Amino acid sequence: MTLTPFHLAFPVDDLMAARQFYGGILGCPEGRSAEQWIDFNLFGHQIVAHLSDAAGQRSANPVDGDDVPVPHFGVVLSLADFNALAARLKAAGVKFIIEPHTRFAGQPGEQSTMFFLDPAGNALEFKAFASLDQLFKK
């Protein structure tokens, strides 16, 4: 299977804060922009922060003992990239909703995961698998 980049548009209430967070803290290169939106390259995927009143609306579902925020988005990274991002977020003082840890330990789909919010309250999850063949394991 060949993976292709996804596109995701999401609401923010402050474009400058989004630019500082996604560009500065997450290290996402900025693409096109206008008065109401900014494109970012999130590990090869196109995400677009759009100015909106709907920013930060969410609920939660229980997953393996954690209250996982819904909706959320993110990327599956290599374990090395996951650990580097976790260290960068901690150094920047980003508060985790769910600290970096291993979920489903010893089970199919075992993964490293972490959740945090952007300045607009949008939830992000980044995860890593020791082997990508575990991504959809039951």
N, C-alpha and C. Protein backbone atom coordinates (compact mmCIF):
# COMPACT_ATOMS: atom_id res chain seq x y z
N MET A 1 0.85 -1.18 0.00
CA MET A 1 0.00 0.00 0.00
C MET A 1 0.90 1.25 0.00
N THR A 2 0.59 2.17 -0.87
CA THR A 2 1.31 3.44 -0.92
C THR A 2 0.49 4.49 -0.18
N LEU A 3 1.10 5.10 0.81
CA LEU A 3 0.40 6.14 1.55
C LEU A 3 0.53 7.47 0.83
N THR A 4 -0.56 8.20 0.77
CA THR A 4 -0.55 9.53 0.18
C THR A 4 -0.88 10.54 1.25
N PRO A 5 -0.50 11.79 1.07
CA PRO A 5 -0.79 12.80 2.10
C PRO A 5 -2.29 13.02 2.28
N PHE A 6 -2.70 13.22 3.52
CA PHE A 6 -4.09 13.61 3.77
C PHE A 6 -4.17 15.12 3.87
N HIS A 7 -5.39 15.64 3.78
CA HIS A 7 -5.68 17.06 3.93
C HIS A 7 -6.70 17.19 5.04
N LEU A 8 -6.45 18.10 5.96
CA LEU A 8 -7.38 18.34 7.06
C LEU A 8 -7.47 19.84 7.32
N ALA A 9 -8.70 20.36 7.31
CA ALA A 9 -8.95 21.76 7.69
C ALA A 9 -9.55 21.74 9.09
N PHE A 10 -9.08 22.62 9.96
CA PHE A 10 -9.55 22.63 11.34
C PHE A 10 -9.69 24.07 11.83
N PRO A 11 -10.57 24.28 12.82
CA PRO A 11 -10.83 25.64 13.29
C PRO A 11 -9.84 26.11 14.34
N VAL A 12 -9.46 27.38 14.25
CA VAL A 12 -8.66 28.05 15.27
C VAL A 12 -9.27 29.42 15.53
N ASP A 13 -8.99 29.98 16.70
CA ASP A 13 -9.53 31.30 17.02
C ASP A 13 -8.48 32.40 16.97
N ASP A 14 -7.22 32.04 16.65
CA ASP A 14 -6.14 33.01 16.60
C ASP A 14 -5.07 32.48 15.64
N LEU A 15 -4.97 33.09 14.46
CA LEU A 15 -4.01 32.60 13.47
C LEU A 15 -2.56 32.79 13.90
N MET A 16 -2.24 33.86 14.60
CA MET A 16 -0.87 34.07 15.06
C MET A 16 -0.48 32.98 16.06
N ALA A 17 -1.37 32.65 16.98
CA ALA A 17 -1.09 31.58 17.94
C ALA A 17 -0.93 30.24 17.22
N ALA A 18 -1.76 30.00 16.20
CA ALA A 18 -1.63 28.77 15.41
C ALA A 18 -0.28 28.74 14.69
N ARG A 19 0.11 29.86 14.13
CA ARG A 19 1.40 29.96 13.42
C ARG A 19 2.56 29.66 14.39
N GLN A 20 2.50 30.22 15.58
CA GLN A 20 3.56 29.99 16.56
C GLN A 20 3.60 28.54 17.03
N PHE A 21 2.41 27.95 17.23
CA PHE A 21 2.34 26.58 17.73
C PHE A 21 2.74 25.57 16.65
N TYR A 22 2.04 25.62 15.50
CA TYR A 22 2.30 24.62 14.46
C TYR A 22 3.65 24.86 13.78
N GLY A 23 3.96 26.11 13.50
CA GLY A 23 5.23 26.42 12.86
C GLY A 23 6.40 26.37 13.82
N GLY A 24 6.24 27.00 14.99
CA GLY A 24 7.33 27.10 15.94
C GLY A 24 7.54 25.87 16.79
N ILE A 25 6.52 25.46 17.53
CA ILE A 25 6.68 24.33 18.46
C ILE A 25 6.70 22.99 17.74
N LEU A 26 5.73 22.75 16.84
CA LEU A 26 5.70 21.47 16.13
C LEU A 26 6.69 21.42 14.97
N GLY A 27 7.17 22.58 14.52
CA GLY A 27 8.14 22.61 13.43
C GLY A 27 7.56 22.34 12.06
N CYS A 28 6.28 22.65 11.86
CA CYS A 28 5.61 22.44 10.57
C CYS A 28 5.92 23.60 9.63
N PRO A 29 6.53 23.33 8.49
CA PRO A 29 6.75 24.41 7.52
C PRO A 29 5.41 25.00 7.07
N GLU A 30 5.40 26.32 6.91
CA GLU A 30 4.18 27.00 6.48
C GLU A 30 4.11 27.02 4.96
N GLY A 31 2.91 26.81 4.44
CA GLY A 31 2.67 26.91 3.01
C GLY A 31 1.95 28.20 2.70
N ARG A 32 0.92 28.11 1.87
CA ARG A 32 0.14 29.29 1.51
C ARG A 32 -0.65 29.79 2.72
N SER A 33 -1.05 31.05 2.66
CA SER A 33 -1.89 31.60 3.72
C SER A 33 -2.68 32.77 3.17
N ALA A 34 -3.70 33.15 3.91
CA ALA A 34 -4.52 34.32 3.60
C ALA A 34 -4.95 34.91 4.94
N GLU A 35 -5.82 35.89 4.90
CA GLU A 35 -6.27 36.54 6.14
C GLU A 35 -7.01 35.58 7.07
N GLN A 36 -7.64 34.55 6.52
CA GLN A 36 -8.50 33.67 7.30
C GLN A 36 -7.95 32.25 7.48
N TRP A 37 -6.80 31.92 6.89
CA TRP A 37 -6.29 30.55 6.99
C TRP A 37 -4.79 30.48 6.74
N ILE A 38 -4.19 29.35 7.21
CA ILE A 38 -2.77 29.06 7.00
C ILE A 38 -2.61 27.57 6.72
N ASP A 39 -1.88 27.24 5.65
CA ASP A 39 -1.49 25.85 5.36
C ASP A 39 -0.22 25.51 6.13
N PHE A 40 -0.16 24.28 6.65
CA PHE A 40 1.05 23.77 7.27
C PHE A 40 1.37 22.38 6.73
N ASN A 41 2.64 22.05 6.70
CA ASN A 41 3.10 20.72 6.31
C ASN A 41 3.34 19.94 7.60
N LEU A 42 2.42 19.06 7.95
CA LEU A 42 2.50 18.25 9.16
C LEU A 42 3.04 16.87 8.77
N PHE A 43 4.36 16.73 8.82
CA PHE A 43 5.01 15.46 8.47
C PHE A 43 4.57 14.97 7.10
N GLY A 44 4.49 15.88 6.13
CA GLY A 44 4.14 15.52 4.77
C GLY A 44 2.65 15.60 4.46
N HIS A 45 1.84 15.96 5.43
CA HIS A 45 0.39 16.07 5.25
C HIS A 45 -0.02 17.53 5.29
N GLN A 46 -1.05 17.88 4.53
CA GLN A 46 -1.50 19.27 4.47
C GLN A 46 -2.61 19.49 5.49
N ILE A 47 -2.31 20.34 6.48
CA ILE A 47 -3.34 20.75 7.43
C ILE A 47 -3.53 22.25 7.26
N VAL A 48 -4.76 22.70 7.47
CA VAL A 48 -5.07 24.11 7.24
C VAL A 48 -5.83 24.65 8.46
N ALA A 49 -5.22 25.61 9.12
CA ALA A 49 -5.86 26.29 10.26
C ALA A 49 -6.75 27.39 9.69
N HIS A 50 -8.06 27.28 9.95
CA HIS A 50 -9.04 28.26 9.49
C HIS A 50 -9.60 29.03 10.68
N LEU A 51 -9.63 30.34 10.57
CA LEU A 51 -10.23 31.17 11.61
C LEU A 51 -11.71 30.82 11.72
N SER A 52 -12.18 30.48 12.95
CA SER A 52 -13.56 30.02 13.13
C SER A 52 -13.97 30.14 14.59
N ASP A 53 -15.26 30.30 14.80
CA ASP A 53 -15.82 30.31 16.16
C ASP A 53 -15.96 28.90 16.73
N ALA A 54 -15.76 27.85 15.93
CA ALA A 54 -15.98 26.47 16.36
C ALA A 54 -14.73 25.83 16.98
N ALA A 55 -13.68 26.58 17.20
CA ALA A 55 -12.42 26.02 17.71
C ALA A 55 -12.60 25.39 19.08
N GLY A 56 -11.95 24.23 19.27
CA GLY A 56 -11.84 23.62 20.59
C GLY A 56 -13.03 22.85 21.10
N GLN A 57 -14.06 22.63 20.32
CA GLN A 57 -15.22 21.87 20.78
C GLN A 57 -14.89 20.39 20.76
N ARG A 58 -15.09 19.69 21.89
CA ARG A 58 -14.75 18.27 21.94
C ARG A 58 -15.45 17.58 23.11
N SER A 59 -15.40 16.24 23.06
CA SER A 59 -15.85 15.39 24.15
C SER A 59 -14.75 14.35 24.37
N ALA A 60 -15.07 13.23 25.03
CA ALA A 60 -14.04 12.22 25.27
C ALA A 60 -14.66 10.83 25.28
N ASN A 61 -13.85 9.83 24.93
CA ASN A 61 -14.23 8.42 25.00
C ASN A 61 -13.12 7.67 25.74
N PRO A 62 -13.50 6.66 26.55
CA PRO A 62 -12.46 5.88 27.24
C PRO A 62 -11.76 4.91 26.29
N VAL A 63 -10.41 4.91 26.33
CA VAL A 63 -9.60 3.97 25.56
C VAL A 63 -8.45 3.50 26.44
N ASP A 64 -8.42 2.22 26.76
CA ASP A 64 -7.34 1.62 27.53
C ASP A 64 -7.01 2.44 28.79
N GLY A 65 -8.05 2.87 29.50
CA GLY A 65 -7.88 3.57 30.77
C GLY A 65 -7.69 5.08 30.67
N ASP A 66 -7.69 5.64 29.46
CA ASP A 66 -7.54 7.08 29.28
C ASP A 66 -8.82 7.67 28.70
N ASP A 67 -9.11 8.93 29.05
CA ASP A 67 -10.22 9.66 28.43
C ASP A 67 -9.67 10.36 27.19
N VAL A 68 -9.89 9.75 26.04
CA VAL A 68 -9.35 10.24 24.77
C VAL A 68 -10.24 11.34 24.21
N PRO A 69 -9.68 12.51 23.92
CA PRO A 69 -10.49 13.60 23.40
C PRO A 69 -10.97 13.32 21.97
N VAL A 70 -12.23 13.70 21.72
CA VAL A 70 -12.84 13.54 20.39
C VAL A 70 -13.47 14.87 20.02
N PRO A 71 -13.19 15.40 18.84
CA PRO A 71 -12.29 14.87 17.82
C PRO A 71 -10.83 15.15 18.16
N HIS A 72 -9.96 14.45 17.45
CA HIS A 72 -8.53 14.72 17.52
C HIS A 72 -7.90 14.29 16.20
N PHE A 73 -6.69 14.78 15.94
CA PHE A 73 -5.96 14.37 14.74
C PHE A 73 -4.48 14.35 15.05
N GLY A 74 -3.72 13.73 14.19
CA GLY A 74 -2.28 13.65 14.36
C GLY A 74 -1.69 12.73 13.33
N VAL A 75 -0.48 12.24 13.60
CA VAL A 75 0.25 11.43 12.64
C VAL A 75 0.89 10.26 13.37
N VAL A 76 0.98 9.12 12.67
CA VAL A 76 1.75 7.99 13.16
C VAL A 76 3.20 8.23 12.74
N LEU A 77 4.09 8.28 13.72
CA LEU A 77 5.50 8.57 13.49
C LEU A 77 6.36 7.34 13.74
N SER A 78 7.61 7.41 13.34
CA SER A 78 8.57 6.40 13.78
C SER A 78 8.77 6.60 15.28
N LEU A 79 9.26 5.59 15.97
CA LEU A 79 9.49 5.72 17.41
C LEU A 79 10.51 6.81 17.71
N ALA A 80 11.55 6.93 16.88
CA ALA A 80 12.56 7.97 17.09
C ALA A 80 11.95 9.36 16.93
N ASP A 81 11.11 9.56 15.89
CA ASP A 81 10.46 10.86 15.69
C ASP A 81 9.45 11.15 16.80
N PHE A 82 8.74 10.12 17.26
CA PHE A 82 7.80 10.27 18.37
C PHE A 82 8.53 10.77 19.61
N ASN A 83 9.64 10.11 19.96
CA ASN A 83 10.40 10.49 21.16
C ASN A 83 10.99 11.90 21.02
N ALA A 84 11.46 12.24 19.83
CA ALA A 84 12.00 13.59 19.61
C ALA A 84 10.91 14.64 19.74
N LEU A 85 9.72 14.37 19.19
CA LEU A 85 8.61 15.31 19.31
C LEU A 85 8.18 15.45 20.77
N ALA A 86 8.07 14.35 21.48
CA ALA A 86 7.69 14.40 22.90
C ALA A 86 8.68 15.27 23.68
N ALA A 87 9.97 15.10 23.42
CA ALA A 87 10.99 15.91 24.10
C ALA A 87 10.86 17.38 23.74
N ARG A 88 10.60 17.68 22.46
CA ARG A 88 10.44 19.08 22.01
C ARG A 88 9.22 19.72 22.67
N LEU A 89 8.12 18.96 22.76
CA LEU A 89 6.91 19.48 23.40
C LEU A 89 7.14 19.75 24.89
N LYS A 90 7.80 18.82 25.56
CA LYS A 90 8.09 19.01 26.99
C LYS A 90 8.99 20.22 27.20
N ALA A 91 10.00 20.38 26.35
CA ALA A 91 10.92 21.52 26.47
C ALA A 91 10.20 22.84 26.23
N ALA A 92 9.15 22.83 25.39
CA ALA A 92 8.38 24.04 25.10
C ALA A 92 7.30 24.30 26.15
N GLY A 93 7.17 23.40 27.13
CA GLY A 93 6.18 23.59 28.19
C GLY A 93 4.76 23.25 27.79
N VAL A 94 4.60 22.46 26.73
CA VAL A 94 3.26 22.05 26.31
C VAL A 94 2.68 21.11 27.35
N LYS A 95 1.45 21.36 27.77
CA LYS A 95 0.78 20.53 28.75
C LYS A 95 0.09 19.37 28.03
N PHE A 96 0.34 18.16 28.47
CA PHE A 96 -0.26 16.98 27.87
C PHE A 96 -1.61 16.69 28.49
N ILE A 97 -2.58 16.34 27.66
CA ILE A 97 -3.86 15.80 28.16
C ILE A 97 -3.59 14.37 28.61
N ILE A 98 -2.85 13.63 27.79
CA ILE A 98 -2.41 12.28 28.10
C ILE A 98 -0.90 12.24 27.82
N GLU A 99 -0.13 12.04 28.87
CA GLU A 99 1.34 12.02 28.77
C GLU A 99 1.80 10.92 27.81
N PRO A 100 2.96 11.09 27.20
CA PRO A 100 3.50 10.02 26.36
C PRO A 100 3.63 8.72 27.17
N HIS A 101 3.07 7.65 26.63
CA HIS A 101 3.12 6.35 27.29
C HIS A 101 2.81 5.25 26.28
N THR A 102 2.88 4.00 26.73
CA THR A 102 2.56 2.85 25.90
C THR A 102 1.14 2.40 26.18
N ARG A 103 0.36 2.26 25.11
CA ARG A 103 -1.03 1.81 25.20
C ARG A 103 -1.10 0.38 24.66
N PHE A 104 -2.00 -0.41 25.20
CA PHE A 104 -2.22 -1.80 24.77
C PHE A 104 -0.94 -2.63 24.90
N ALA A 105 -0.21 -2.40 25.98
CA ALA A 105 1.07 -3.10 26.19
C ALA A 105 0.89 -4.61 26.11
N GLY A 106 1.74 -5.26 25.30
CA GLY A 106 1.72 -6.71 25.16
C GLY A 106 0.55 -7.25 24.35
N GLN A 107 -0.25 -6.36 23.76
CA GLN A 107 -1.41 -6.76 22.97
C GLN A 107 -1.22 -6.37 21.51
N PRO A 108 -2.05 -6.95 20.62
CA PRO A 108 -2.01 -6.47 19.24
C PRO A 108 -2.28 -4.96 19.21
N GLY A 109 -1.54 -4.24 18.41
CA GLY A 109 -1.72 -2.80 18.31
C GLY A 109 -0.99 -2.01 19.38
N GLU A 110 -0.07 -2.64 20.12
CA GLU A 110 0.71 -1.90 21.12
C GLU A 110 1.33 -0.68 20.47
N GLN A 111 1.24 0.47 21.15
CA GLN A 111 1.68 1.73 20.57
C GLN A 111 2.10 2.73 21.63
N SER A 112 2.99 3.61 21.25
CA SER A 112 3.30 4.79 22.06
C SER A 112 2.34 5.88 21.62
N THR A 113 1.83 6.65 22.57
CA THR A 113 0.85 7.68 22.23
C THR A 113 0.98 8.86 23.18
N MET A 114 0.54 10.02 22.70
CA MET A 114 0.48 11.23 23.53
C MET A 114 -0.59 12.14 22.96
N PHE A 115 -1.25 12.89 23.82
CA PHE A 115 -2.28 13.84 23.44
C PHE A 115 -1.99 15.19 24.06
N PHE A 116 -2.26 16.25 23.32
CA PHE A 116 -2.11 17.62 23.81
C PHE A 116 -3.02 18.51 23.00
N LEU A 117 -3.19 19.75 23.46
CA LEU A 117 -4.05 20.71 22.78
C LEU A 117 -3.23 21.78 22.09
N ASP A 118 -3.75 22.28 20.97
CA ASP A 118 -3.16 23.48 20.37
C ASP A 118 -3.74 24.69 21.09
N PRO A 119 -3.29 25.90 20.81
CA PRO A 119 -3.78 27.08 21.53
C PRO A 119 -5.29 27.32 21.38
N ALA A 120 -5.92 26.78 20.33
CA ALA A 120 -7.35 26.95 20.13
C ALA A 120 -8.16 25.86 20.82
N GLY A 121 -7.48 24.90 21.46
CA GLY A 121 -8.18 23.82 22.15
C GLY A 121 -8.41 22.59 21.30
N ASN A 122 -7.86 22.54 20.10
CA ASN A 122 -7.97 21.34 19.26
C ASN A 122 -7.03 20.27 19.81
N ALA A 123 -7.54 19.04 19.92
CA ALA A 123 -6.75 17.94 20.45
C ALA A 123 -5.95 17.27 19.33
N LEU A 124 -4.69 16.98 19.64
CA LEU A 124 -3.81 16.27 18.71
C LEU A 124 -3.29 15.02 19.39
N GLU A 125 -3.18 13.95 18.61
CA GLU A 125 -2.56 12.71 19.07
C GLU A 125 -1.45 12.34 18.10
N PHE A 126 -0.30 12.02 18.65
CA PHE A 126 0.78 11.47 17.87
C PHE A 126 1.08 10.11 18.47
N LYS A 127 1.37 9.15 17.60
CA LYS A 127 1.62 7.80 18.07
C LYS A 127 2.73 7.16 17.26
N ALA A 128 3.23 6.04 17.78
CA ALA A 128 4.28 5.27 17.10
C ALA A 128 4.10 3.80 17.46
N PHE A 129 4.42 2.95 16.50
CA PHE A 129 4.38 1.51 16.69
C PHE A 129 5.79 0.98 16.51
N ALA A 130 6.13 -0.06 17.27
CA ALA A 130 7.42 -0.71 17.06
C ALA A 130 7.49 -1.26 15.64
N SER A 131 6.33 -1.69 15.11
CA SER A 131 6.23 -2.19 13.75
C SER A 131 4.90 -1.71 13.16
N LEU A 132 4.96 -1.10 11.99
CA LEU A 132 3.73 -0.57 11.37
C LEU A 132 2.73 -1.66 11.02
N ASP A 133 3.14 -2.94 10.98
CA ASP A 133 2.16 -3.99 10.70
C ASP A 133 1.17 -4.14 11.85
N GLN A 134 1.41 -3.46 12.96
CA GLN A 134 0.50 -3.47 14.10
C GLN A 134 -0.59 -2.40 14.01
N LEU A 135 -0.49 -1.52 13.01
CA LEU A 135 -1.39 -0.37 12.91
C LEU A 135 -2.87 -0.75 12.96
N PHE A 136 -3.27 -1.80 12.27
CA PHE A 136 -4.67 -2.20 12.21
C PHE A 136 -4.91 -3.58 12.82
N LYS A 137 -3.96 -4.08 13.61
CA LYS A 137 -4.08 -5.40 14.23
C LYS A 137 -5.26 -5.45 15.18
N LYS A 138 -5.96 -6.57 15.16
CA LYS A 138 -7.10 -6.78 16.09
C LYS A 138 -6.64 -7.61 17.25
